[in-house]
Amino acid sequence: MKRRDFFPIAAGGLMLSACGPGQVQKFQTYNGPAVTRVIVEKSTRQMWLMHEKRVLRKYDMELGFAPAGHKQFEGDGKTPEGSYWIDRRNPNSAFYLSLGISYPNAQDIAYAKAQGQDPGGEIFIHGGPVLFGDRNKPDWTAGCIAVTNEEMAEIYAMVKNGTQIDILK
């Protein structure tokens, strides 16, 4: 086979393989019951998407690299605890897709400021790093909640901005 013939054939093969099984559709649609609340239980590494009192989906998840306790300061590696809101979406996240959590709230800011610290921010539910695939290792984030990319595509479709998220110990 001549070199000039190889590249179009190889490119076609790569395009076809990208459509095969195992590929996750990044932007999905969801037509089921509305997710009215997200519950995260840090101690069990579980997250539930709820419609009123009914569990719609359950996920295993990873947390910040120092998960015990409530996030207080920038760089502490903790995942916040308390009631927040999903307040933004990032379809171009370095972590596949991501949903922003409204941390820090006024109480978080006041506490950090009283300690002469920055409360941090940029806390998300997200997938795995784009360059490294899904999960790296247990509790690897800087304070976020991480799931697989396949799970994140589903969560991104189901959870809307303004949804309450309760992060429990």
N, C-alpha and C. Protein backbone atom coordinates (compact mmCIF):
# COMPACT_ATOMS: atom_id res chain seq x y z
N MET A 1 0.85 -1.18 0.00
CA MET A 1 0.00 0.00 0.00
C MET A 1 0.89 1.23 0.00
N LYS A 2 0.54 2.16 -0.85
CA LYS A 2 1.30 3.40 -0.92
C LYS A 2 0.96 4.29 0.27
N ARG A 3 1.95 5.07 0.67
CA ARG A 3 1.79 5.94 1.83
C ARG A 3 0.61 6.90 1.68
N ARG A 4 0.42 7.44 0.50
CA ARG A 4 -0.67 8.40 0.28
C ARG A 4 -2.05 7.74 0.39
N ASP A 5 -2.11 6.44 0.19
CA ASP A 5 -3.38 5.71 0.33
C ASP A 5 -3.68 5.34 1.78
N PHE A 6 -2.64 5.22 2.58
CA PHE A 6 -2.79 4.77 3.96
C PHE A 6 -3.56 5.77 4.83
N PHE A 7 -3.24 7.04 4.73
CA PHE A 7 -3.83 8.04 5.63
C PHE A 7 -5.34 8.18 5.50
N PRO A 8 -5.91 8.23 4.30
CA PRO A 8 -7.39 8.29 4.23
C PRO A 8 -8.05 7.04 4.80
N ILE A 9 -7.45 5.88 4.58
CA ILE A 9 -8.02 4.64 5.11
C ILE A 9 -7.93 4.63 6.63
N ALA A 10 -6.78 5.02 7.19
CA ALA A 10 -6.61 5.07 8.64
C ALA A 10 -7.57 6.08 9.27
N ALA A 11 -7.72 7.25 8.66
CA ALA A 11 -8.62 8.27 9.20
C ALA A 11 -10.06 7.77 9.21
N GLY A 12 -10.46 7.07 8.15
CA GLY A 12 -11.81 6.51 8.10
C GLY A 12 -12.03 5.47 9.19
N GLY A 13 -11.04 4.64 9.41
CA GLY A 13 -11.13 3.63 10.47
C GLY A 13 -11.25 4.26 11.84
N LEU A 14 -10.50 5.31 12.08
CA LEU A 14 -10.59 6.01 13.37
C LEU A 14 -11.97 6.61 13.56
N MET A 15 -12.53 7.20 12.52
CA MET A 15 -13.86 7.79 12.64
C MET A 15 -14.90 6.73 12.94
N LEU A 16 -14.82 5.58 12.28
CA LEU A 16 -15.78 4.51 12.53
C LEU A 16 -15.63 3.95 13.94
N SER A 17 -14.38 3.81 14.41
CA SER A 17 -14.19 3.26 15.76
C SER A 17 -14.72 4.21 16.82
N ALA A 18 -14.75 5.49 16.56
CA ALA A 18 -15.27 6.46 17.53
C ALA A 18 -16.77 6.33 17.70
N CYS A 19 -17.43 5.69 16.76
CA CYS A 19 -18.88 5.52 16.83
C CYS A 19 -19.27 4.18 17.45
N GLY A 20 -18.32 3.37 17.78
CA GLY A 20 -18.59 2.02 18.25
C GLY A 20 -19.07 1.96 19.67
N PRO A 21 -19.32 0.73 20.17
CA PRO A 21 -19.77 0.54 21.54
C PRO A 21 -18.74 1.07 22.52
N GLY A 22 -19.21 1.48 23.67
CA GLY A 22 -18.30 1.98 24.70
C GLY A 22 -18.15 3.49 24.67
N GLN A 23 -18.61 4.12 23.60
CA GLN A 23 -18.53 5.57 23.53
C GLN A 23 -19.77 6.18 24.18
N VAL A 24 -19.56 7.18 25.00
CA VAL A 24 -20.65 7.83 25.71
C VAL A 24 -21.08 9.06 24.93
N GLN A 25 -22.38 9.20 24.76
CA GLN A 25 -22.90 10.42 24.15
C GLN A 25 -22.81 11.51 25.20
N LYS A 26 -22.00 12.53 24.95
CA LYS A 26 -21.73 13.56 25.95
C LYS A 26 -22.99 14.34 26.32
N PHE A 27 -23.77 14.75 25.34
CA PHE A 27 -24.96 15.55 25.62
C PHE A 27 -26.19 14.69 25.38
N GLN A 28 -26.81 14.27 26.47
CA GLN A 28 -27.97 13.41 26.43
C GLN A 28 -29.23 14.21 26.72
N THR A 29 -30.37 13.62 26.43
CA THR A 29 -31.64 14.22 26.81
C THR A 29 -32.27 13.36 27.88
N TYR A 30 -33.08 14.00 28.71
CA TYR A 30 -33.77 13.31 29.79
C TYR A 30 -35.20 13.81 29.82
N ASN A 31 -36.14 12.88 29.80
CA ASN A 31 -37.56 13.23 29.78
C ASN A 31 -38.33 12.66 30.95
N GLY A 32 -37.64 12.20 31.99
CA GLY A 32 -38.31 11.60 33.13
C GLY A 32 -38.71 12.64 34.17
N PRO A 33 -39.05 12.17 35.37
CA PRO A 33 -39.42 13.08 36.46
C PRO A 33 -38.27 14.05 36.79
N ALA A 34 -38.62 15.25 37.14
CA ALA A 34 -37.62 16.27 37.46
C ALA A 34 -36.80 15.87 38.69
N VAL A 35 -35.52 16.14 38.63
CA VAL A 35 -34.68 15.97 39.82
C VAL A 35 -34.93 17.19 40.70
N THR A 36 -35.50 16.94 41.88
CA THR A 36 -35.84 18.04 42.78
C THR A 36 -34.77 18.25 43.86
N ARG A 37 -33.86 17.30 44.00
CA ARG A 37 -32.84 17.41 45.04
C ARG A 37 -31.73 16.41 44.74
N VAL A 38 -30.50 16.81 45.03
CA VAL A 38 -29.35 15.92 44.98
C VAL A 38 -28.88 15.74 46.41
N ILE A 39 -28.67 14.49 46.81
CA ILE A 39 -28.16 14.20 48.14
C ILE A 39 -26.80 13.52 47.99
N VAL A 40 -25.81 14.06 48.68
CA VAL A 40 -24.47 13.50 48.69
C VAL A 40 -24.16 13.08 50.12
N GLU A 41 -23.79 11.83 50.31
CA GLU A 41 -23.39 11.35 51.64
C GLU A 41 -21.90 11.01 51.56
N LYS A 42 -21.10 11.91 52.14
CA LYS A 42 -19.65 11.77 52.04
C LYS A 42 -19.14 10.49 52.68
N SER A 43 -19.70 10.10 53.82
CA SER A 43 -19.19 8.94 54.56
C SER A 43 -19.33 7.64 53.78
N THR A 44 -20.34 7.53 52.93
CA THR A 44 -20.55 6.30 52.15
C THR A 44 -20.12 6.46 50.70
N ARG A 45 -19.70 7.67 50.32
CA ARG A 45 -19.32 7.98 48.94
C ARG A 45 -20.47 7.65 47.97
N GLN A 46 -21.68 8.09 48.36
CA GLN A 46 -22.88 7.86 47.56
C GLN A 46 -23.56 9.18 47.23
N MET A 47 -24.13 9.24 46.03
CA MET A 47 -24.91 10.41 45.62
C MET A 47 -26.22 9.90 45.03
N TRP A 48 -27.32 10.55 45.42
CA TRP A 48 -28.64 10.18 44.94
C TRP A 48 -29.28 11.38 44.23
N LEU A 49 -29.89 11.12 43.10
CA LEU A 49 -30.74 12.11 42.44
C LEU A 49 -32.16 11.77 42.81
N MET A 50 -32.86 12.74 43.38
CA MET A 50 -34.19 12.50 43.95
C MET A 50 -35.27 13.25 43.16
N HIS A 51 -36.45 12.65 43.08
CA HIS A 51 -37.67 13.34 42.69
C HIS A 51 -38.58 13.26 43.90
N GLU A 52 -38.70 14.39 44.59
CA GLU A 52 -39.40 14.42 45.89
C GLU A 52 -38.73 13.41 46.82
N LYS A 53 -39.44 12.34 47.22
CA LYS A 53 -38.85 11.36 48.14
C LYS A 53 -38.40 10.08 47.43
N ARG A 54 -38.50 10.08 46.12
CA ARG A 54 -38.16 8.88 45.33
C ARG A 54 -36.76 8.99 44.73
N VAL A 55 -35.97 7.94 44.88
CA VAL A 55 -34.63 7.90 44.30
C VAL A 55 -34.76 7.59 42.81
N LEU A 56 -34.21 8.50 41.98
CA LEU A 56 -34.20 8.27 40.54
C LEU A 56 -32.93 7.54 40.12
N ARG A 57 -31.80 7.95 40.68
CA ARG A 57 -30.51 7.34 40.36
C ARG A 57 -29.61 7.39 41.59
N LYS A 58 -28.69 6.43 41.65
CA LYS A 58 -27.71 6.37 42.74
C LYS A 58 -26.33 6.17 42.11
N TYR A 59 -25.33 6.88 42.63
CA TYR A 59 -23.98 6.81 42.07
C TYR A 59 -22.94 6.66 43.18
N ASP A 60 -21.89 5.93 42.89
CA ASP A 60 -20.69 5.97 43.71
C ASP A 60 -19.92 7.20 43.27
N MET A 61 -19.16 7.80 44.17
CA MET A 61 -18.44 9.02 43.81
C MET A 61 -17.17 9.15 44.62
N GLU A 62 -16.32 10.06 44.19
CA GLU A 62 -15.07 10.39 44.87
C GLU A 62 -15.16 11.84 45.34
N LEU A 63 -14.34 12.17 46.33
CA LEU A 63 -14.38 13.50 46.95
C LEU A 63 -13.01 14.17 46.89
N GLY A 64 -12.88 15.24 47.66
CA GLY A 64 -11.61 15.93 47.79
C GLY A 64 -10.58 15.04 48.46
N PHE A 65 -9.30 15.39 48.31
CA PHE A 65 -8.21 14.55 48.80
C PHE A 65 -8.12 14.50 50.33
N ALA A 66 -8.83 15.38 51.03
CA ALA A 66 -8.91 15.36 52.50
C ALA A 66 -10.38 15.49 52.87
N PRO A 67 -11.17 14.44 52.66
CA PRO A 67 -12.63 14.57 52.66
C PRO A 67 -13.31 14.79 54.02
N ALA A 68 -12.67 14.45 55.12
CA ALA A 68 -13.34 14.56 56.43
C ALA A 68 -13.52 16.03 56.81
N GLY A 69 -14.75 16.36 57.21
CA GLY A 69 -15.05 17.72 57.65
C GLY A 69 -15.51 18.63 56.52
N HIS A 70 -15.99 19.80 56.93
CA HIS A 70 -16.53 20.80 56.01
C HIS A 70 -15.41 21.64 55.40
N LYS A 71 -15.51 21.93 54.13
CA LYS A 71 -14.54 22.81 53.47
C LYS A 71 -14.58 24.17 54.15
N GLN A 72 -13.40 24.68 54.50
CA GLN A 72 -13.32 25.99 55.14
C GLN A 72 -12.43 26.97 54.39
N PHE A 73 -11.37 26.45 53.77
CA PHE A 73 -10.37 27.33 53.17
C PHE A 73 -9.92 26.81 51.80
N GLU A 74 -9.49 27.73 50.99
CA GLU A 74 -8.89 27.39 49.70
C GLU A 74 -7.74 26.41 49.91
N GLY A 75 -7.74 25.33 49.14
CA GLY A 75 -6.63 24.38 49.18
C GLY A 75 -6.69 23.33 50.28
N ASP A 76 -7.76 23.30 51.09
CA ASP A 76 -7.79 22.33 52.20
C ASP A 76 -8.18 20.92 51.74
N GLY A 77 -8.60 20.75 50.48
CA GLY A 77 -8.91 19.43 49.94
C GLY A 77 -10.22 18.84 50.43
N LYS A 78 -11.00 19.63 51.13
CA LYS A 78 -12.26 19.13 51.68
C LYS A 78 -13.42 19.42 50.72
N THR A 79 -14.42 18.58 50.78
CA THR A 79 -15.66 18.80 50.05
C THR A 79 -16.63 19.45 51.02
N PRO A 80 -17.31 20.53 50.61
CA PRO A 80 -18.22 21.22 51.54
C PRO A 80 -19.29 20.30 52.11
N GLU A 81 -19.88 20.72 53.22
CA GLU A 81 -21.03 20.05 53.82
C GLU A 81 -22.09 21.11 54.04
N GLY A 82 -23.35 20.75 53.80
CA GLY A 82 -24.45 21.69 53.99
C GLY A 82 -25.34 21.72 52.77
N SER A 83 -26.26 22.68 52.76
CA SER A 83 -27.21 22.84 51.65
C SER A 83 -26.74 23.95 50.72
N TYR A 84 -26.67 23.62 49.44
CA TYR A 84 -26.24 24.55 48.40
C TYR A 84 -27.17 24.38 47.21
N TRP A 85 -26.81 24.98 46.07
CA TRP A 85 -27.60 24.92 44.85
C TRP A 85 -26.69 24.61 43.68
N ILE A 86 -27.24 23.96 42.68
CA ILE A 86 -26.53 23.83 41.41
C ILE A 86 -26.73 25.18 40.73
N ASP A 87 -25.63 25.89 40.51
CA ASP A 87 -25.76 27.27 40.05
C ASP A 87 -25.14 27.57 38.68
N ARG A 88 -24.49 26.58 38.05
CA ARG A 88 -23.92 26.81 36.73
C ARG A 88 -23.55 25.48 36.08
N ARG A 89 -23.32 25.54 34.77
CA ARG A 89 -22.98 24.35 33.98
C ARG A 89 -21.74 24.67 33.16
N ASN A 90 -20.89 23.67 32.98
CA ASN A 90 -19.73 23.86 32.12
C ASN A 90 -19.65 22.70 31.13
N PRO A 91 -20.10 22.94 29.89
CA PRO A 91 -20.04 21.88 28.88
C PRO A 91 -18.63 21.65 28.35
N ASN A 92 -17.70 22.55 28.65
CA ASN A 92 -16.33 22.46 28.16
C ASN A 92 -15.34 22.24 29.29
N SER A 93 -15.77 21.62 30.35
CA SER A 93 -14.94 21.39 31.53
C SER A 93 -13.71 20.55 31.19
N ALA A 94 -12.61 20.81 31.86
CA ALA A 94 -11.43 19.96 31.77
C ALA A 94 -11.70 18.60 32.40
N PHE A 95 -12.84 18.48 33.09
CA PHE A 95 -13.26 17.24 33.74
C PHE A 95 -14.54 16.73 33.10
N TYR A 96 -14.54 16.65 31.78
CA TYR A 96 -15.59 16.12 30.92
C TYR A 96 -16.79 17.06 30.84
N LEU A 97 -17.65 17.04 31.83
CA LEU A 97 -18.77 17.97 32.01
C LEU A 97 -18.80 18.31 33.48
N SER A 98 -19.36 19.47 33.83
CA SER A 98 -19.44 19.77 35.26
C SER A 98 -20.64 20.65 35.58
N LEU A 99 -21.13 20.45 36.82
CA LEU A 99 -22.22 21.25 37.38
C LEU A 99 -21.68 21.97 38.60
N GLY A 100 -21.78 23.30 38.61
CA GLY A 100 -21.27 24.10 39.71
C GLY A 100 -22.16 24.05 40.93
N ILE A 101 -21.51 24.05 42.10
CA ILE A 101 -22.19 24.07 43.39
C ILE A 101 -21.97 25.45 43.99
N SER A 102 -22.98 26.03 44.60
CA SER A 102 -22.96 27.43 45.04
C SER A 102 -22.05 27.71 46.25
N TYR A 103 -21.14 26.82 46.59
CA TYR A 103 -20.14 27.09 47.63
C TYR A 103 -19.19 28.15 47.11
N PRO A 104 -18.78 29.14 47.90
CA PRO A 104 -19.12 29.38 49.30
C PRO A 104 -20.38 30.23 49.43
N ASN A 105 -21.14 29.98 50.50
CA ASN A 105 -22.29 30.83 50.80
C ASN A 105 -21.82 31.94 51.76
N ALA A 106 -22.72 32.79 52.18
CA ALA A 106 -22.36 33.92 53.04
C ALA A 106 -21.72 33.46 54.35
N GLN A 107 -22.22 32.38 54.93
CA GLN A 107 -21.67 31.85 56.18
C GLN A 107 -20.24 31.33 55.98
N ASP A 108 -20.01 30.63 54.87
CA ASP A 108 -18.68 30.12 54.56
C ASP A 108 -17.68 31.27 54.38
N ILE A 109 -18.11 32.32 53.69
CA ILE A 109 -17.25 33.48 53.44
C ILE A 109 -16.93 34.18 54.76
N ALA A 110 -17.94 34.38 55.60
CA ALA A 110 -17.74 35.07 56.88
C ALA A 110 -16.77 34.30 57.77
N TYR A 111 -16.92 32.98 57.83
CA TYR A 111 -16.03 32.18 58.68
C TYR A 111 -14.58 32.28 58.19
N ALA A 112 -14.38 32.10 56.90
CA ALA A 112 -13.02 32.17 56.35
C ALA A 112 -12.41 33.55 56.57
N LYS A 113 -13.20 34.58 56.33
CA LYS A 113 -12.71 35.95 56.50
C LYS A 113 -12.31 36.21 57.95
N ALA A 114 -13.10 35.71 58.91
CA ALA A 114 -12.78 35.88 60.34
C ALA A 114 -11.47 35.18 60.71
N GLN A 115 -11.11 34.16 59.93
CA GLN A 115 -9.86 33.43 60.18
C GLN A 115 -8.71 33.99 59.34
N GLY A 116 -8.99 35.04 58.58
CA GLY A 116 -7.97 35.63 57.72
C GLY A 116 -7.64 34.75 56.52
N GLN A 117 -8.62 33.96 56.08
CA GLN A 117 -8.41 33.01 54.99
C GLN A 117 -9.37 33.27 53.84
N ASP A 118 -9.10 32.63 52.72
CA ASP A 118 -9.98 32.62 51.54
C ASP A 118 -10.79 31.33 51.62
N PRO A 119 -12.13 31.38 51.45
CA PRO A 119 -12.92 30.15 51.55
C PRO A 119 -12.75 29.19 50.38
N GLY A 120 -12.13 29.66 49.31
CA GLY A 120 -12.04 28.84 48.11
C GLY A 120 -13.34 28.89 47.34
N GLY A 121 -13.45 28.07 46.35
CA GLY A 121 -14.64 28.05 45.51
C GLY A 121 -14.42 27.09 44.37
N GLU A 122 -15.17 27.29 43.30
CA GLU A 122 -15.06 26.42 42.13
C GLU A 122 -15.26 24.95 42.49
N ILE A 123 -16.32 24.68 43.25
CA ILE A 123 -16.67 23.31 43.63
C ILE A 123 -17.73 22.81 42.65
N PHE A 124 -17.49 21.64 42.09
CA PHE A 124 -18.34 21.08 41.04
C PHE A 124 -18.62 19.60 41.27
N ILE A 125 -19.67 19.12 40.63
CA ILE A 125 -19.85 17.70 40.34
C ILE A 125 -19.28 17.55 38.94
N HIS A 126 -18.36 16.60 38.74
CA HIS A 126 -17.75 16.48 37.42
C HIS A 126 -17.31 15.06 37.13
N GLY A 127 -16.93 14.85 35.87
CA GLY A 127 -16.40 13.57 35.43
C GLY A 127 -14.90 13.52 35.66
N GLY A 128 -14.25 12.66 34.90
CA GLY A 128 -12.81 12.48 35.04
C GLY A 128 -12.04 13.48 34.20
N PRO A 129 -10.77 13.66 34.49
CA PRO A 129 -9.95 14.58 33.69
C PRO A 129 -9.94 14.11 32.23
N VAL A 130 -10.08 15.05 31.33
CA VAL A 130 -10.12 14.74 29.91
C VAL A 130 -8.87 13.98 29.48
N LEU A 131 -7.72 14.35 29.98
CA LEU A 131 -6.49 13.72 29.55
C LEU A 131 -6.26 12.34 30.16
N PHE A 132 -6.91 12.02 31.26
CA PHE A 132 -6.62 10.78 31.97
C PHE A 132 -7.78 9.80 32.03
N GLY A 133 -8.88 10.03 31.35
CA GLY A 133 -10.01 9.10 31.39
C GLY A 133 -10.88 9.35 32.59
N ASP A 134 -11.47 8.30 33.13
CA ASP A 134 -12.40 8.47 34.22
C ASP A 134 -11.68 8.73 35.54
N ARG A 135 -11.73 7.84 36.48
CA ARG A 135 -11.20 8.11 37.81
C ARG A 135 -9.70 7.88 37.89
N ASN A 136 -9.02 8.71 38.64
CA ASN A 136 -7.59 8.54 38.88
C ASN A 136 -7.36 7.60 40.05
N LYS A 137 -7.77 8.00 41.24
CA LYS A 137 -7.58 7.23 42.47
C LYS A 137 -8.65 7.69 43.45
N PRO A 138 -8.84 6.98 44.55
CA PRO A 138 -9.86 7.41 45.51
C PRO A 138 -9.60 8.82 46.04
N ASP A 139 -10.67 9.59 46.15
CA ASP A 139 -10.63 10.94 46.73
C ASP A 139 -9.47 11.77 46.17
N TRP A 140 -9.54 12.04 44.90
CA TRP A 140 -8.46 12.70 44.19
C TRP A 140 -8.73 14.16 43.85
N THR A 141 -9.95 14.66 44.06
CA THR A 141 -10.26 16.03 43.62
C THR A 141 -9.73 17.06 44.63
N ALA A 142 -9.85 18.32 44.26
CA ALA A 142 -9.44 19.41 45.15
C ALA A 142 -10.58 19.82 46.09
N GLY A 143 -11.68 19.09 46.07
CA GLY A 143 -12.84 19.39 46.92
C GLY A 143 -14.15 19.14 46.20
N CYS A 144 -14.07 18.72 44.96
CA CYS A 144 -15.26 18.46 44.15
C CYS A 144 -15.81 17.06 44.39
N ILE A 145 -16.88 16.77 43.69
CA ILE A 145 -17.53 15.46 43.70
C ILE A 145 -17.33 14.89 42.30
N ALA A 146 -16.68 13.72 42.20
CA ALA A 146 -16.36 13.16 40.90
C ALA A 146 -17.06 11.82 40.69
N VAL A 147 -17.56 11.64 39.48
CA VAL A 147 -18.18 10.39 39.03
C VAL A 147 -17.53 10.02 37.70
N THR A 148 -17.91 8.89 37.12
CA THR A 148 -17.38 8.53 35.81
C THR A 148 -17.95 9.46 34.75
N ASN A 149 -17.30 9.51 33.61
CA ASN A 149 -17.79 10.35 32.52
C ASN A 149 -19.17 9.90 32.04
N GLU A 150 -19.39 8.60 31.97
CA GLU A 150 -20.70 8.09 31.56
C GLU A 150 -21.79 8.56 32.54
N GLU A 151 -21.51 8.46 33.84
CA GLU A 151 -22.46 8.92 34.85
C GLU A 151 -22.65 10.43 34.76
N MET A 152 -21.57 11.17 34.51
CA MET A 152 -21.66 12.63 34.44
C MET A 152 -22.53 13.07 33.27
N ALA A 153 -22.47 12.37 32.15
CA ALA A 153 -23.33 12.71 31.02
C ALA A 153 -24.80 12.58 31.41
N GLU A 154 -25.12 11.53 32.16
CA GLU A 154 -26.49 11.31 32.62
C GLU A 154 -26.90 12.39 33.63
N ILE A 155 -26.05 12.67 34.60
CA ILE A 155 -26.33 13.67 35.63
C ILE A 155 -26.51 15.05 35.01
N TYR A 156 -25.65 15.39 34.05
CA TYR A 156 -25.70 16.69 33.38
C TYR A 156 -27.05 16.87 32.68
N ALA A 157 -27.58 15.80 32.10
CA ALA A 157 -28.88 15.88 31.43
C ALA A 157 -30.03 15.97 32.42
N MET A 158 -29.89 15.35 33.57
CA MET A 158 -31.01 15.25 34.52
C MET A 158 -31.12 16.42 35.49
N VAL A 159 -29.99 16.98 35.93
CA VAL A 159 -29.99 18.00 36.99
C VAL A 159 -29.94 19.39 36.37
N LYS A 160 -30.87 20.20 36.73
CA LYS A 160 -30.98 21.56 36.19
C LYS A 160 -30.41 22.58 37.18
N ASN A 161 -30.04 23.73 36.66
CA ASN A 161 -29.62 24.83 37.54
C ASN A 161 -30.76 25.16 38.49
N GLY A 162 -30.42 25.50 39.72
CA GLY A 162 -31.43 25.82 40.74
C GLY A 162 -31.81 24.63 41.58
N THR A 163 -31.31 23.44 41.26
CA THR A 163 -31.61 22.24 42.05
C THR A 163 -30.84 22.28 43.36
N GLN A 164 -31.51 21.98 44.45
CA GLN A 164 -30.86 21.93 45.76
C GLN A 164 -29.93 20.72 45.84
N ILE A 165 -28.76 20.92 46.46
CA ILE A 165 -27.85 19.82 46.73
C ILE A 165 -27.50 19.85 48.21
N ASP A 166 -27.76 18.75 48.89
CA ASP A 166 -27.45 18.61 50.31
C ASP A 166 -26.26 17.67 50.43
N ILE A 167 -25.18 18.19 50.98
CA ILE A 167 -23.95 17.41 51.15
C ILE A 167 -23.82 17.10 52.62
N LEU A 168 -23.94 15.80 52.94
CA LEU A 168 -23.96 15.32 54.32
C LEU A 168 -22.61 14.70 54.67
N LYS A 169 -22.36 14.62 55.99
CA LYS A 169 -21.10 14.01 56.46
C LYS A 169 -20.97 12.60 56.01
